[in-house]
Amino acid sequence: MPQPINRRLNPKKLLLSKWTAAMPRDKEKHFIVTQVITPDQPDLPIEWVELEAVYSHRSYSLPWRELTDTSVWLQGWQ
C-alpha cells in the first residue's frame, strides 16, 4: 500500500479552497474552507479552519494541518 504524501500548505491561503474526503461519510465528500480561524492573539500561528460539506452544509472545525494528509484529504473536488 502506498505511503500517504504530506503536502505543504499555507494556512493564510486556505480560505475558499476545495477538498475531497478520501473516505466519505454520510454522503459528505466535497468540502470548502469557509473560515480560517485566527487566534485571539495576533502573534500566535493559525491552527484551525472550518470546513463546510457541500451536500449537507454541515460545518466542521479541524486543525488545518490535517489537510496535508493525502490519505484523508485530497485537494480540489475529485
N, C-alpha and C. Protein backbone atom coordinates (compact mmCIF):
# COMPACT_ATOMS: atom_id res chain seq x y z
N MET A 1 0.85 -1.17 0.00
CA MET A 1 0.00 0.00 0.00
C MET A 1 0.90 1.24 0.00
N PRO A 2 0.62 2.24 -0.86
CA PRO A 2 1.48 3.43 -0.92
C PRO A 2 1.37 4.26 0.35
N GLN A 3 2.48 4.89 0.69
CA GLN A 3 2.52 5.76 1.86
C GLN A 3 1.77 7.06 1.56
N PRO A 4 1.06 7.62 2.55
CA PRO A 4 0.41 8.91 2.33
C PRO A 4 1.46 10.00 2.11
N ILE A 5 1.16 10.92 1.24
CA ILE A 5 2.07 12.02 0.94
C ILE A 5 1.58 13.24 1.71
N ASN A 6 2.50 13.88 2.41
CA ASN A 6 2.16 15.12 3.10
C ASN A 6 2.49 16.29 2.19
N ARG A 7 1.54 17.19 2.01
CA ARG A 7 1.76 18.35 1.16
C ARG A 7 1.99 19.59 2.02
N ARG A 8 2.61 20.57 1.43
CA ARG A 8 2.87 21.83 2.12
C ARG A 8 1.73 22.79 1.81
N LEU A 9 1.18 23.41 2.84
CA LEU A 9 0.09 24.36 2.68
C LEU A 9 0.39 25.62 3.48
N ASN A 10 -0.13 26.74 3.00
CA ASN A 10 -0.06 27.99 3.74
C ASN A 10 -1.45 28.24 4.32
N PRO A 11 -1.59 28.24 5.66
CA PRO A 11 -2.93 28.38 6.24
C PRO A 11 -3.63 29.69 5.86
N LYS A 12 -2.87 30.73 5.56
CA LYS A 12 -3.49 32.01 5.19
C LYS A 12 -4.14 31.96 3.81
N LYS A 13 -3.78 30.96 3.00
CA LYS A 13 -4.32 30.87 1.65
C LYS A 13 -5.38 29.78 1.50
N LEU A 14 -5.84 29.22 2.60
CA LEU A 14 -6.81 28.12 2.54
C LEU A 14 -8.25 28.57 2.36
N LEU A 15 -8.57 29.81 2.67
CA LEU A 15 -9.95 30.28 2.60
C LEU A 15 -10.52 30.03 1.20
N LEU A 16 -11.69 29.41 1.15
CA LEU A 16 -12.45 29.07 -0.05
C LEU A 16 -11.79 27.97 -0.89
N SER A 17 -10.78 27.29 -0.33
CA SER A 17 -10.19 26.16 -1.07
C SER A 17 -11.13 24.96 -0.99
N LYS A 18 -11.03 24.08 -1.98
CA LYS A 18 -11.94 22.93 -2.10
C LYS A 18 -11.18 21.66 -1.77
N TRP A 19 -11.88 20.74 -1.08
CA TRP A 19 -11.27 19.50 -0.62
C TRP A 19 -12.24 18.34 -0.82
N THR A 20 -11.68 17.16 -1.04
CA THR A 20 -12.45 15.93 -1.17
C THR A 20 -12.02 14.97 -0.08
N ALA A 21 -12.99 14.42 0.65
CA ALA A 21 -12.69 13.43 1.68
C ALA A 21 -12.27 12.13 0.99
N ALA A 22 -11.16 11.55 1.42
CA ALA A 22 -10.68 10.30 0.83
C ALA A 22 -11.64 9.15 1.14
N MET A 23 -12.29 9.20 2.31
CA MET A 23 -13.29 8.20 2.70
C MET A 23 -14.56 8.93 3.14
N PRO A 24 -15.46 9.23 2.21
CA PRO A 24 -16.67 9.99 2.54
C PRO A 24 -17.56 9.27 3.54
N ARG A 25 -18.23 10.07 4.38
CA ARG A 25 -19.23 9.53 5.31
C ARG A 25 -20.50 10.34 5.15
N ASP A 26 -21.63 9.68 5.27
CA ASP A 26 -22.95 10.33 5.19
C ASP A 26 -23.10 11.19 3.94
N LYS A 27 -22.62 10.69 2.82
CA LYS A 27 -22.69 11.38 1.53
C LYS A 27 -21.92 12.69 1.51
N GLU A 28 -21.11 12.93 2.52
CA GLU A 28 -20.30 14.15 2.57
C GLU A 28 -18.93 13.84 1.99
N LYS A 29 -18.74 14.28 0.77
CA LYS A 29 -17.49 14.01 0.06
C LYS A 29 -16.75 15.30 -0.26
N HIS A 30 -17.46 16.31 -0.70
CA HIS A 30 -16.85 17.57 -1.10
C HIS A 30 -17.03 18.63 -0.02
N PHE A 31 -15.94 19.36 0.23
CA PHE A 31 -15.92 20.37 1.29
C PHE A 31 -15.26 21.64 0.77
N ILE A 32 -15.60 22.74 1.43
CA ILE A 32 -14.96 24.01 1.13
C ILE A 32 -14.56 24.67 2.46
N VAL A 33 -13.40 25.30 2.47
CA VAL A 33 -12.94 26.01 3.67
C VAL A 33 -13.70 27.33 3.72
N THR A 34 -14.56 27.49 4.72
CA THR A 34 -15.38 28.70 4.83
C THR A 34 -14.79 29.72 5.79
N GLN A 35 -13.84 29.28 6.62
CA GLN A 35 -13.25 30.21 7.58
C GLN A 35 -11.87 29.71 8.01
N VAL A 36 -10.92 30.63 8.06
CA VAL A 36 -9.62 30.38 8.67
C VAL A 36 -9.71 31.04 10.04
N ILE A 37 -9.64 30.24 11.08
CA ILE A 37 -9.87 30.74 12.44
C ILE A 37 -8.57 31.33 12.98
N THR A 38 -8.57 32.64 13.15
CA THR A 38 -7.38 33.32 13.66
C THR A 38 -7.39 33.28 15.18
N PRO A 39 -6.21 33.12 15.78
CA PRO A 39 -6.14 33.08 17.25
C PRO A 39 -6.44 34.46 17.85
N ASP A 40 -6.79 34.46 19.13
CA ASP A 40 -7.11 35.71 19.81
C ASP A 40 -5.92 36.66 19.83
N GLN A 41 -4.73 36.11 19.98
CA GLN A 41 -3.52 36.93 19.97
C GLN A 41 -2.91 36.89 18.57
N PRO A 42 -2.74 38.03 17.92
CA PRO A 42 -2.30 38.05 16.53
C PRO A 42 -0.90 37.48 16.29
N ASP A 43 -0.08 37.38 17.33
CA ASP A 43 1.27 36.86 17.13
C ASP A 43 1.32 35.33 17.17
N LEU A 44 0.21 34.68 17.50
CA LEU A 44 0.15 33.22 17.53
C LEU A 44 -0.16 32.68 16.12
N PRO A 45 0.33 31.49 15.79
CA PRO A 45 0.06 30.93 14.45
C PRO A 45 -1.39 30.45 14.30
N ILE A 46 -1.85 30.41 13.08
CA ILE A 46 -3.18 29.88 12.76
C ILE A 46 -3.14 28.37 12.96
N GLU A 47 -4.14 27.84 13.68
CA GLU A 47 -4.18 26.40 13.96
C GLU A 47 -5.41 25.71 13.38
N TRP A 48 -6.53 26.42 13.23
CA TRP A 48 -7.81 25.79 12.89
C TRP A 48 -8.44 26.41 11.65
N VAL A 49 -9.20 25.58 10.93
CA VAL A 49 -10.04 26.05 9.83
C VAL A 49 -11.42 25.45 10.00
N GLU A 50 -12.39 26.04 9.33
CA GLU A 50 -13.75 25.50 9.34
C GLU A 50 -14.07 25.04 7.93
N LEU A 51 -14.48 23.78 7.83
CA LEU A 51 -14.88 23.18 6.55
C LEU A 51 -16.39 23.04 6.52
N GLU A 52 -16.98 23.29 5.37
CA GLU A 52 -18.42 23.08 5.21
C GLU A 52 -18.64 22.03 4.13
N ALA A 53 -19.46 21.03 4.45
CA ALA A 53 -19.82 20.00 3.48
C ALA A 53 -20.75 20.61 2.44
N VAL A 54 -20.45 20.41 1.18
CA VAL A 54 -21.26 20.98 0.11
C VAL A 54 -22.65 20.33 0.09
N TYR A 55 -22.73 19.03 0.33
CA TYR A 55 -24.00 18.30 0.25
C TYR A 55 -24.95 18.67 1.40
N SER A 56 -24.45 18.63 2.64
CA SER A 56 -25.32 18.81 3.81
C SER A 56 -25.23 20.19 4.44
N HIS A 57 -24.24 20.96 4.08
CA HIS A 57 -23.97 22.29 4.66
C HIS A 57 -23.58 22.23 6.13
N ARG A 58 -23.22 21.04 6.62
CA ARG A 58 -22.71 20.94 7.99
C ARG A 58 -21.30 21.49 8.04
N SER A 59 -20.96 22.13 9.15
CA SER A 59 -19.62 22.69 9.32
C SER A 59 -18.83 21.90 10.34
N TYR A 60 -17.54 21.81 10.09
CA TYR A 60 -16.62 21.10 10.97
C TYR A 60 -15.38 21.95 11.17
N SER A 61 -14.90 22.03 12.40
CA SER A 61 -13.63 22.68 12.68
C SER A 61 -12.57 21.61 12.83
N LEU A 62 -11.42 21.86 12.23
CA LEU A 62 -10.33 20.91 12.37
C LEU A 62 -9.00 21.64 12.24
N PRO A 63 -7.94 21.07 12.81
CA PRO A 63 -6.62 21.68 12.64
C PRO A 63 -6.25 21.68 11.15
N TRP A 64 -5.79 22.79 10.63
CA TRP A 64 -5.54 22.90 9.19
C TRP A 64 -4.46 21.92 8.74
N ARG A 65 -3.59 21.49 9.62
CA ARG A 65 -2.53 20.56 9.23
C ARG A 65 -3.07 19.18 8.84
N GLU A 66 -4.29 18.86 9.27
CA GLU A 66 -4.89 17.58 8.86
C GLU A 66 -5.11 17.54 7.34
N LEU A 67 -5.25 18.70 6.71
CA LEU A 67 -5.46 18.75 5.27
C LEU A 67 -4.21 18.32 4.50
N THR A 68 -3.07 18.26 5.15
CA THR A 68 -1.84 17.85 4.47
C THR A 68 -1.74 16.35 4.31
N ASP A 69 -2.58 15.59 4.99
CA ASP A 69 -2.54 14.12 4.93
C ASP A 69 -3.37 13.63 3.74
N THR A 70 -2.70 13.16 2.70
CA THR A 70 -3.40 12.74 1.48
C THR A 70 -4.18 11.45 1.64
N SER A 71 -3.99 10.74 2.76
CA SER A 71 -4.80 9.54 2.98
C SER A 71 -6.17 9.91 3.52
N VAL A 72 -6.34 11.17 3.95
CA VAL A 72 -7.61 11.64 4.50
C VAL A 72 -8.25 12.69 3.59
N TRP A 73 -7.45 13.62 3.06
CA TRP A 73 -7.97 14.73 2.26
C TRP A 73 -7.25 14.82 0.93
N LEU A 74 -8.03 15.05 -0.13
CA LEU A 74 -7.49 15.28 -1.47
C LEU A 74 -7.80 16.72 -1.84
N GLN A 75 -6.81 17.41 -2.39
CA GLN A 75 -7.01 18.81 -2.74
C GLN A 75 -7.87 18.92 -4.00
N GLY A 76 -8.83 19.83 -3.98
CA GLY A 76 -9.76 20.01 -5.09
C GLY A 76 -10.93 19.04 -4.95
N TRP A 77 -11.89 19.15 -5.88
CA TRP A 77 -13.04 18.23 -5.87
C TRP A 77 -12.79 17.15 -6.91
N GLN A 78 -12.80 15.92 -6.43
CA GLN A 78 -12.48 14.78 -7.30
C GLN A 78 -13.59 13.75 -7.27
